[in-house]
């Protein structure tokens, strides 16, 4: 049970960090945070915004996101990005 709670807390922290990057890319503060909402259709992130988001994520998590990963379906939502980060990258989870 404790492992599940710890994992959930870590994912919440990851989501928060991703939303910070999304807000920077959008140059606005979001009124609501929904990890399932589509970054383009629901939040209005355009192609330039996606490029900025990748750069902000690389800086925030200390990783390098290749172009093919950056154009993957993972980047449709914050939950998708969190899944990508937790499955494929090793990063500082502070």
PDB file of N, CA and C in Angstrom:
ATOM      1  N   UNK A   1       0.822  -1.193   0.000  1.00  0.00           N
ATOM      2  CA  UNK A   1       0.000   0.000   0.000  1.00  0.00           C
ATOM      3  C   UNK A   1       0.870   1.263   0.000  1.00  0.00           C
ATOM      4  N   UNK A   2       1.927   1.252   0.800  1.00  0.00           N
ATOM      5  CA  UNK A   2       2.802   2.419   0.893  1.00  0.00           C
ATOM      6  C   UNK A   2       3.481   2.704  -0.442  1.00  0.00           C
ATOM      7  N   UNK A   3       3.876   1.652  -1.185  1.00  0.00           N
ATOM      8  CA  UNK A   3       4.518   1.850  -2.487  1.00  0.00           C
ATOM      9  C   UNK A   3       3.563   2.546  -3.447  1.00  0.00           C
ATOM     10  N   UNK A   4       2.290   2.144  -3.409  1.00  0.00           N
ATOM     11  CA  UNK A   4       1.303   2.749  -4.291  1.00  0.00           C
ATOM     12  C   UNK A   4       1.111   4.226  -3.960  1.00  0.00           C
ATOM     13  N   UNK A   5       1.060   4.554  -2.694  1.00  0.00           N
ATOM     14  CA  UNK A   5       0.905   5.948  -2.272  1.00  0.00           C
ATOM     15  C   UNK A   5       2.123   6.759  -2.674  1.00  0.00           C
ATOM     16  N   UNK A   6       3.319   6.206  -2.463  1.00  0.00           N
ATOM     17  CA  UNK A   6       4.557   6.888  -2.849  1.00  0.00           C
ATOM     18  C   UNK A   6       4.596   7.118  -4.351  1.00  0.00           C
ATOM     19  N   UNK A   7       4.214   6.101  -5.130  1.00  0.00           N
ATOM     20  CA  UNK A   7       4.212   6.241  -6.587  1.00  0.00           C
ATOM     21  C   UNK A   7       3.205   7.318  -7.012  1.00  0.00           C
ATOM     22  N   UNK A   8       2.025   7.349  -6.384  1.00  0.00           N
ATOM     23  CA  UNK A   8       1.021   8.358  -6.710  1.00  0.00           C
ATOM     24  C   UNK A   8       1.526   9.755  -6.377  1.00  0.00           C
ATOM     25  N   UNK A   9       2.192   9.918  -5.238  1.00  0.00           N
ATOM     26  CA  UNK A   9       2.755  11.221  -4.876  1.00  0.00           C
ATOM     27  C   UNK A   9       3.817  11.651  -5.867  1.00  0.00           C
ATOM     28  N   UNK A  10       4.658  10.717  -6.305  1.00  0.00           N
ATOM     29  CA  UNK A  10       5.684  11.045  -7.291  1.00  0.00           C
ATOM     30  C   UNK A  10       5.048  11.479  -8.602  1.00  0.00           C
ATOM     31  N   UNK A  11       3.982  10.762  -9.031  1.00  0.00           N
ATOM     32  CA  UNK A  11       3.313  11.129 -10.276  1.00  0.00           C
ATOM     33  C   UNK A  11       2.659  12.505 -10.139  1.00  0.00           C
ATOM     34  N   UNK A  12       2.067  12.823  -8.984  1.00  0.00           N
ATOM     35  CA  UNK A  12       1.494  14.151  -8.784  1.00  0.00           C
ATOM     36  C   UNK A  12       2.561  15.228  -8.899  1.00  0.00           C
ATOM     37  N   UNK A  13       3.732  14.955  -8.355  1.00  0.00           N
ATOM     38  CA  UNK A  13       4.845  15.893  -8.449  1.00  0.00           C
ATOM     39  C   UNK A  13       5.278  16.062  -9.910  1.00  0.00           C
ATOM     40  N   UNK A  14       5.336  14.963 -10.638  1.00  0.00           N
ATOM     41  CA  UNK A  14       5.707  15.007 -12.056  1.00  0.00           C
ATOM     42  C   UNK A  14       4.665  15.807 -12.833  1.00  0.00           C
ATOM     43  N   UNK A  15       3.386  15.542 -12.571  1.00  0.00           N
ATOM     44  CA  UNK A  15       2.322  16.290 -13.254  1.00  0.00           C
ATOM     45  C   UNK A  15       2.453  17.786 -12.999  1.00  0.00           C
ATOM     46  N   UNK A  16       2.702  18.159 -11.765  1.00  0.00           N
ATOM     47  CA  UNK A  16       2.846  19.571 -11.414  1.00  0.00           C
ATOM     48  C   UNK A  16       3.999  20.202 -12.181  1.00  0.00           C
ATOM     49  N   UNK A  17       5.118  19.492 -12.240  1.00  0.00           N
ATOM     50  CA  UNK A  17       6.281  20.015 -12.964  1.00  0.00           C
ATOM     51  C   UNK A  17       5.988  20.137 -14.459  1.00  0.00           C
ATOM     52  N   UNK A  18       5.258  19.184 -15.014  1.00  0.00           N
ATOM     53  CA  UNK A  18       4.906  19.249 -16.441  1.00  0.00           C
ATOM     54  C   UNK A  18       3.970  20.425 -16.692  1.00  0.00           C
ATOM     55  N   UNK A  19       2.950  20.599 -15.824  1.00  0.00           N
ATOM     56  CA  UNK A  19       2.033  21.726 -15.993  1.00  0.00           C
ATOM     57  C   UNK A  19       2.764  23.062 -15.919  1.00  0.00           C
ATOM     58  N   UNK A  20       3.792  23.161 -15.096  1.00  0.00           N
ATOM     59  CA  UNK A  20       4.598  24.380 -15.043  1.00  0.00           C
ATOM     60  C   UNK A  20       5.232  24.641 -16.401  1.00  0.00           C
ATOM     61  N   UNK A  21       5.735  23.602 -17.029  1.00  0.00           N
ATOM     62  CA  UNK A  21       6.338  23.726 -18.366  1.00  0.00           C
ATOM     63  C   UNK A  21       5.287  24.091 -19.408  1.00  0.00           C
ATOM     64  N   UNK A  22       4.093  23.497 -19.305  1.00  0.00           N
ATOM     65  CA  UNK A  22       3.006  23.809 -20.235  1.00  0.00           C
ATOM     66  C   UNK A  22       2.623  25.283 -20.111  1.00  0.00           C
ATOM     67  N   UNK A  23       2.505  25.775 -18.895  1.00  0.00           N
ATOM     68  CA  UNK A  23       2.161  27.186 -18.688  1.00  0.00           C
ATOM     69  C   UNK A  23       3.226  28.107 -19.272  1.00  0.00           C
ATOM     70  N   UNK A  24       4.484  27.739 -19.126  1.00  0.00           N
ATOM     71  CA  UNK A  24       5.557  28.545 -19.725  1.00  0.00           C
ATOM     72  C   UNK A  24       5.431  28.549 -21.242  1.00  0.00           C
ATOM     73  N   UNK A  25       5.147  27.384 -21.828  1.00  0.00           N
ATOM     74  CA  UNK A  25       5.030  27.286 -23.282  1.00  0.00           C
ATOM     75  C   UNK A  25       3.822  28.074 -23.793  1.00  0.00           C
ATOM     76  N   UNK A  26       2.742  28.073 -23.017  1.00  0.00           N
ATOM     77  CA  UNK A  26       1.539  28.816 -23.396  1.00  0.00           C
ATOM     78  C   UNK A  26       1.625  30.302 -23.027  1.00  0.00           C
ATOM     79  N   UNK A  27       2.589  30.646 -22.181  1.00  0.00           N
ATOM     80  CA  UNK A  27       2.747  32.003 -21.657  1.00  0.00           C
ATOM     81  C   UNK A  27       1.482  32.485 -20.951  1.00  0.00           C
ATOM     82  N   UNK A  28       0.908  31.587 -20.163  1.00  0.00           N
ATOM     83  CA  UNK A  28      -0.296  31.912 -19.406  1.00  0.00           C
ATOM     84  C   UNK A  28      -0.432  30.966 -18.217  1.00  0.00           C
ATOM     85  N   UNK A  29      -1.224  31.369 -17.252  1.00  0.00           N
ATOM     86  CA  UNK A  29      -1.561  30.493 -16.131  1.00  0.00           C
ATOM     87  C   UNK A  29      -2.864  29.783 -16.451  1.00  0.00           C
ATOM     88  N   UNK A  30      -2.894  28.491 -16.276  1.00  0.00           N
ATOM     89  CA  UNK A  30      -4.103  27.723 -16.542  1.00  0.00           C
ATOM     90  C   UNK A  30      -5.062  27.826 -15.366  1.00  0.00           C
ATOM     91  N   UNK A  31      -6.350  27.899 -15.677  1.00  0.00           N
ATOM     92  CA  UNK A  31      -7.357  27.967 -14.622  1.00  0.00           C
ATOM     93  C   UNK A  31      -7.579  26.602 -13.979  1.00  0.00           C
ATOM     94  N   UNK A  32      -7.542  25.561 -14.794  1.00  0.00           N
ATOM     95  CA  UNK A  32      -7.736  24.193 -14.282  1.00  0.00           C
ATOM     96  C   UNK A  32      -6.636  23.298 -14.813  1.00  0.00           C
ATOM     97  N   UNK A  33      -6.323  22.299 -14.025  1.00  0.00           N
ATOM     98  CA  UNK A  33      -5.338  21.301 -14.420  1.00  0.00           C
ATOM     99  C   UNK A  33      -6.042  19.963 -14.579  1.00  0.00           C
ATOM    100  N   UNK A  34      -6.002  19.427 -15.766  1.00  0.00           N
ATOM    101  CA  UNK A  34      -6.570  18.114 -16.031  1.00  0.00           C
ATOM    102  C   UNK A  34      -5.549  17.338 -16.846  1.00  0.00           C
ATOM    103  N   UNK A  35      -4.990  16.292 -16.249  1.00  0.00           N
ATOM    104  CA  UNK A  35      -3.905  15.562 -16.885  1.00  0.00           C
ATOM    105  C   UNK A  35      -4.349  14.841 -18.152  1.00  0.00           C
ATOM    106  N   UNK A  36      -5.651  14.643 -18.331  1.00  0.00           N
ATOM    107  CA  UNK A  36      -6.171  13.941 -19.501  1.00  0.00           C
ATOM    108  C   UNK A  36      -6.521  14.871 -20.665  1.00  0.00           C
ATOM    109  N   UNK A  37      -6.623  16.177 -20.403  1.00  0.00           N
ATOM    110  CA  UNK A  37      -6.997  17.105 -21.473  1.00  0.00           C
ATOM    111  C   UNK A  37      -5.921  17.146 -22.552  1.00  0.00           C
ATOM    112  N   UNK A  38      -6.380  17.323 -23.781  1.00  0.00           N
ATOM    113  CA  UNK A  38      -5.478  17.377 -24.929  1.00  0.00           C
ATOM    114  C   UNK A  38      -4.768  18.726 -24.946  1.00  0.00           C
ATOM    115  N   UNK A  39      -3.456  18.690 -25.085  1.00  0.00           N
ATOM    116  CA  UNK A  39      -2.674  19.929 -25.029  1.00  0.00           C
ATOM    117  C   UNK A  39      -3.002  20.880 -26.180  1.00  0.00           C
ATOM    118  N   UNK A  40      -3.319  20.347 -27.346  1.00  0.00           N
ATOM    119  CA  UNK A  40      -3.643  21.212 -28.478  1.00  0.00           C
ATOM    120  C   UNK A  40      -5.119  21.611 -28.478  1.00  0.00           C
ATOM    121  N   UNK A  41      -6.005  20.622 -28.445  1.00  0.00           N
ATOM    122  CA  UNK A  41      -7.433  20.900 -28.595  1.00  0.00           C
ATOM    123  C   UNK A  41      -8.048  21.567 -27.365  1.00  0.00           C
ATOM    124  N   UNK A  42      -7.614  21.184 -26.176  1.00  0.00           N
ATOM    125  CA  UNK A  42      -8.205  21.743 -24.964  1.00  0.00           C
ATOM    126  C   UNK A  42      -7.447  22.948 -24.410  1.00  0.00           C
ATOM    127  N   UNK A  43      -6.117  22.931 -24.527  1.00  0.00           N
ATOM    128  CA  UNK A  43      -5.327  24.024 -23.972  1.00  0.00           C
ATOM    129  C   UNK A  43      -4.793  24.989 -25.035  1.00  0.00           C
ATOM    130  N   UNK A  44      -4.910  24.626 -26.315  1.00  0.00           N
ATOM    131  CA  UNK A  44      -4.525  25.535 -27.386  1.00  0.00           C
ATOM    132  C   UNK A  44      -3.042  25.599 -27.687  1.00  0.00           C
ATOM    133  N   UNK A  45      -2.283  24.576 -27.319  1.00  0.00           N
ATOM    134  CA  UNK A  45      -0.849  24.569 -27.591  1.00  0.00           C
ATOM    135  C   UNK A  45      -0.622  24.338 -29.087  1.00  0.00           C
ATOM    136  N   UNK A  46       0.079  25.265 -29.739  1.00  0.00           N
ATOM    137  CA  UNK A  46       0.352  25.139 -31.175  1.00  0.00           C
ATOM    138  C   UNK A  46       1.726  24.516 -31.403  1.00  0.00           C
ATOM    139  N   UNK A  47       2.144  24.420 -32.664  1.00  0.00           N
ATOM    140  CA  UNK A  47       3.395  23.740 -32.983  1.00  0.00           C
ATOM    141  C   UNK A  47       4.609  24.438 -32.367  1.00  0.00           C
ATOM    142  N   UNK A  48       4.616  25.751 -32.361  1.00  0.00           N
ATOM    143  CA  UNK A  48       5.710  26.481 -31.714  1.00  0.00           C
ATOM    144  C   UNK A  48       5.674  26.235 -30.206  1.00  0.00           C
ATOM    145  N   UNK A  49       4.487  26.195 -29.652  1.00  0.00           N
ATOM    146  CA  UNK A  49       4.325  25.900 -28.232  1.00  0.00           C
ATOM    147  C   UNK A  49       4.861  24.522 -27.872  1.00  0.00           C
ATOM    148  N   UNK A  50       4.625  23.540 -28.759  1.00  0.00           N
ATOM    149  CA  UNK A  50       5.157  22.199 -28.518  1.00  0.00           C
ATOM    150  C   UNK A  50       6.682  22.211 -28.503  1.00  0.00           C
ATOM    151  N   UNK A  51       7.289  22.951 -29.431  1.00  0.00           N
ATOM    152  CA  UNK A  51       8.746  23.042 -29.456  1.00  0.00           C
ATOM    153  C   UNK A  51       9.269  23.663 -28.166  1.00  0.00           C
ATOM    154  N   UNK A  52       8.604  24.711 -27.714  1.00  0.00           N
ATOM    155  CA  UNK A  52       9.005  25.336 -26.457  1.00  0.00           C
ATOM    156  C   UNK A  52       8.800  24.375 -25.289  1.00  0.00           C
ATOM    157  N   UNK A  53       7.684  23.651 -25.302  1.00  0.00           N
ATOM    158  CA  UNK A  53       7.396  22.695 -24.237  1.00  0.00           C
ATOM    159  C   UNK A  53       8.504  21.653 -24.129  1.00  0.00           C
ATOM    160  N   UNK A  54       8.957  21.145 -25.253  1.00  0.00           N
ATOM    161  CA  UNK A  54      10.045  20.158 -25.242  1.00  0.00           C
ATOM    162  C   UNK A  54      11.290  20.756 -24.595  1.00  0.00           C
ATOM    163  N   UNK A  55      11.628  21.981 -24.944  1.00  0.00           N
ATOM    164  CA  UNK A  55      12.801  22.638 -24.359  1.00  0.00           C
ATOM    165  C   UNK A  55      12.632  22.837 -22.854  1.00  0.00           C
ATOM    166  N   UNK A  56      11.453  23.277 -22.432  1.00  0.00           N
ATOM    167  CA  UNK A  56      11.200  23.477 -21.005  1.00  0.00           C
ATOM    168  C   UNK A  56      11.257  22.148 -20.243  1.00  0.00           C
ATOM    169  N   UNK A  57      10.714  21.078 -20.852  1.00  0.00           N
ATOM    170  CA  UNK A  57      10.761  19.759 -20.205  1.00  0.00           C
ATOM    171  C   UNK A  57      12.205  19.263 -20.087  1.00  0.00           C
ATOM    172  N   UNK A  58      12.990  19.471 -21.138  1.00  0.00           N
ATOM    173  CA  UNK A  58      14.395  19.061 -21.091  1.00  0.00           C
ATOM    174  C   UNK A  58      15.131  19.776 -19.967  1.00  0.00           C
ATOM    175  N   UNK A  59      14.888  21.067 -19.830  1.00  0.00           N
ATOM    176  CA  UNK A  59      15.525  21.837 -18.756  1.00  0.00           C
ATOM    177  C   UNK A  59      15.025  21.397 -17.387  1.00  0.00           C
ATOM    178  N   UNK A  60      13.720  21.237 -17.247  1.00  0.00           N
ATOM    179  CA  UNK A  60      13.113  20.894 -15.957  1.00  0.00           C
ATOM    180  C   UNK A  60      13.557  19.527 -15.451  1.00  0.00           C
ATOM    181  N   UNK A  61      13.635  18.553 -16.351  1.00  0.00           N
ATOM    182  CA  UNK A  61      13.929  17.181 -15.940  1.00  0.00           C
ATOM    183  C   UNK A  61      15.366  16.753 -16.236  1.00  0.00           C
ATOM    184  N   UNK A  62      16.151  17.611 -16.878  1.00  0.00           N
ATOM    185  CA  UNK A  62      17.542  17.281 -17.163  1.00  0.00           C
ATOM    186  C   UNK A  62      17.681  16.112 -18.118  1.00  0.00           C
ATOM    187  N   UNK A  63      16.846  16.092 -19.150  1.00  0.00           N
ATOM    188  CA  UNK A  63      16.854  15.003 -20.120  1.00  0.00           C
ATOM    189  C   UNK A  63      16.985  15.575 -21.524  1.00  0.00           C
ATOM    190  N   UNK A  64      17.173  14.692 -22.498  1.00  0.00           N
ATOM    191  CA  UNK A  64      17.168  15.110 -23.892  1.00  0.00           C
ATOM    192  C   UNK A  64      16.053  14.357 -24.598  1.00  0.00           C
ATOM    193  N   UNK A  65      15.146  15.090 -25.198  1.00  0.00           N
ATOM    194  CA  UNK A  65      14.017  14.498 -25.902  1.00  0.00           C
ATOM    195  C   UNK A  65      14.300  14.589 -27.391  1.00  0.00           C
ATOM    196  N   UNK A  66      14.435  13.443 -28.026  1.00  0.00           N
ATOM    197  CA  UNK A  66      14.728  13.418 -29.460  1.00  0.00           C
ATOM    198  C   UNK A  66      13.487  13.839 -30.247  1.00  0.00           C
ATOM    199  N   UNK A  67      13.703  14.220 -31.487  1.00  0.00           N
ATOM    200  CA  UNK A  67      12.610  14.717 -32.318  1.00  0.00           C
ATOM    201  C   UNK A  67      11.504  13.672 -32.497  1.00  0.00           C
ATOM    202  N   UNK A  68      11.890  12.408 -32.690  1.00  0.00           N
ATOM    203  CA  UNK A  68      10.874  11.377 -32.891  1.00  0.00           C
ATOM    204  C   UNK A  68      10.028  11.167 -31.634  1.00  0.00           C
ATOM    205  N   UNK A  69      10.632  11.269 -30.469  1.00  0.00           N
ATOM    206  CA  UNK A  69       9.866  11.156 -29.224  1.00  0.00           C
ATOM    207  C   UNK A  69       9.000  12.406 -29.040  1.00  0.00           C
ATOM    208  N   UNK A  70       9.538  13.568 -29.372  1.00  0.00           N
ATOM    209  CA  UNK A  70       8.795  14.813 -29.228  1.00  0.00           C
ATOM    210  C   UNK A  70       7.562  14.882 -30.112  1.00  0.00           C
ATOM    211  N   UNK A  71       7.565  14.125 -31.188  1.00  0.00           N
ATOM    212  CA  UNK A  71       6.415  14.107 -32.097  1.00  0.00           C
ATOM    213  C   UNK A  71       5.531  12.885 -31.873  1.00  0.00           C
ATOM    214  N   UNK A  72       5.769  12.175 -30.798  1.00  0.00           N
ATOM    215  CA  UNK A  72       4.993  10.964 -30.527  1.00  0.00           C
ATOM    216  C   UNK A  72       3.643  11.296 -29.903  1.00  0.00           C
ATOM    217  N   UNK A  73       2.796  10.310 -29.831  1.00  0.00           N
ATOM    218  CA  UNK A  73       1.483  10.465 -29.230  1.00  0.00           C
ATOM    219  C   UNK A  73       1.528  10.762 -27.744  1.00  0.00           C
ATOM    220  N   UNK A  74       2.677  10.531 -27.119  1.00  0.00           N
ATOM    221  CA  UNK A  74       2.811  10.838 -25.699  1.00  0.00           C
ATOM    222  C   UNK A  74       2.560  12.317 -25.413  1.00  0.00           C
ATOM    223  N   UNK A  75       2.833  13.159 -26.374  1.00  0.00           N
ATOM    224  CA  UNK A  75       2.739  14.601 -26.162  1.00  0.00           C
ATOM    225  C   UNK A  75       1.340  15.160 -26.384  1.00  0.00           C
ATOM    226  N   UNK A  76       0.335  14.289 -26.382  1.00  0.00           N
ATOM    227  CA  UNK A  76      -1.042  14.753 -26.521  1.00  0.00           C
ATOM    228  C   UNK A  76      -1.580  15.308 -25.205  1.00  0.00           C
ATOM    229  N   UNK A  77      -1.095  14.780 -24.076  1.00  0.00           N
ATOM    230  CA  UNK A  77      -1.614  15.205 -22.771  1.00  0.00           C
ATOM    231  C   UNK A  77      -0.501  15.194 -21.730  1.00  0.00           C
ATOM    232  N   UNK A  78      -0.774  15.812 -20.600  1.00  0.00           N
ATOM    233  CA  UNK A  78       0.184  15.805 -19.502  1.00  0.00           C
ATOM    234  C   UNK A  78       0.374  14.371 -18.992  1.00  0.00           C
ATOM    235  N   UNK A  79      -0.700  13.610 -18.934  1.00  0.00           N
ATOM    236  CA  UNK A  79      -0.594  12.211 -18.501  1.00  0.00           C
ATOM    237  C   UNK A  79       0.305  11.423 -19.444  1.00  0.00           C
ATOM    238  N   UNK A  80       0.186  11.672 -20.738  1.00  0.00           N
ATOM    239  CA  UNK A  80       1.043  11.004 -21.715  1.00  0.00           C
ATOM    240  C   UNK A  80       2.510  11.349 -21.523  1.00  0.00           C
ATOM    241  N   UNK A  81       2.783  12.616 -21.270  1.00  0.00           N
ATOM    242  CA  UNK A  81       4.161  13.050 -21.035  1.00  0.00           C
ATOM    243  C   UNK A  81       4.695  12.427 -19.752  1.00  0.00           C
ATOM    244  N   UNK A  82       3.868  12.376 -18.712  1.00  0.00           N
ATOM    245  CA  UNK A  82       4.288  11.754 -17.442  1.00  0.00           C
ATOM    246  C   UNK A  82       4.597  10.273 -17.645  1.00  0.00           C
ATOM    247  N   UNK A  83       3.778   9.604 -18.436  1.00  0.00           N
ATOM    248  CA  UNK A  83       4.025   8.191 -18.747  1.00  0.00           C
ATOM    249  C   UNK A  83       5.345   8.039 -19.486  1.00  0.00           C
ATOM    250  N   UNK A  84       5.570   8.881 -20.467  1.00  0.00           N
ATOM    251  CA  UNK A  84       6.824   8.860 -21.221  1.00  0.00           C
ATOM    252  C   UNK A  84       8.013   9.050 -20.288  1.00  0.00           C
ATOM    253  N   UNK A  85       7.937  10.054 -19.435  1.00  0.00           N
ATOM    254  CA  UNK A  85       9.043  10.341 -18.528  1.00  0.00           C
ATOM    255  C   UNK A  85       9.304   9.183 -17.573  1.00  0.00           C
ATOM    256  N   UNK A  86       8.255   8.615 -17.029  1.00  0.00           N
ATOM    257  CA  UNK A  86       8.445   7.546 -16.044  1.00  0.00           C
ATOM    258  C   UNK A  86       8.898   6.235 -16.676  1.00  0.00           C
ATOM    259  N   UNK A  87       8.553   6.003 -17.933  1.00  0.00           N
ATOM    260  CA  UNK A  87       8.919   4.749 -18.585  1.00  0.00           C
ATOM    261  C   UNK A  87      10.268   4.790 -19.293  1.00  0.00           C
ATOM    262  N   UNK A  88      10.640   5.940 -19.840  1.00  0.00           N
ATOM    263  CA  UNK A  88      11.813   5.984 -20.712  1.00  0.00           C
ATOM    264  C   UNK A  88      12.985   6.802 -20.211  1.00  0.00           C
ATOM    265  N   UNK A  89      12.778   7.601 -19.172  1.00  0.00           N
ATOM    266  CA  UNK A  89      13.851   8.466 -18.719  1.00  0.00           C
ATOM    267  C   UNK A  89      14.125   8.274 -17.237  1.00  0.00           C
ATOM    268  N   UNK A  90      15.363   8.497 -16.888  1.00  0.00           N
ATOM    269  CA  UNK A  90      15.762   8.547 -15.487  1.00  0.00           C
ATOM    270  C   UNK A  90      16.085  10.003 -15.194  1.00  0.00           C
ATOM    271  N   UNK A  91      15.410  10.582 -14.206  1.00  0.00           N
ATOM    272  CA  UNK A  91      15.579  11.996 -13.935  1.00  0.00           C
ATOM    273  C   UNK A  91      15.442  12.245 -12.447  1.00  0.00           C
ATOM    274  N   UNK A  92      15.784  13.436 -12.038  1.00  0.00           N
ATOM    275  CA  UNK A  92      15.692  13.844 -10.647  1.00  0.00           C
ATOM    276  C   UNK A  92      14.240  14.097 -10.286  1.00  0.00           C
ATOM    277  N   UNK A  93      13.694  13.347  -9.344  1.00  0.00           N
ATOM    278  CA  UNK A  93      12.266  13.418  -8.991  1.00  0.00           C
ATOM    279  C   UNK A  93      12.002  14.347  -7.813  1.00  0.00           C
ATOM    280  N   UNK A  94      12.749  15.418  -7.672  1.00  0.00           N
ATOM    281  CA  UNK A  94      12.538  16.336  -6.547  1.00  0.00           C
ATOM    282  C   UNK A  94      11.375  17.245  -6.796  1.00  0.00           C
TER     283      UNK A  94
END
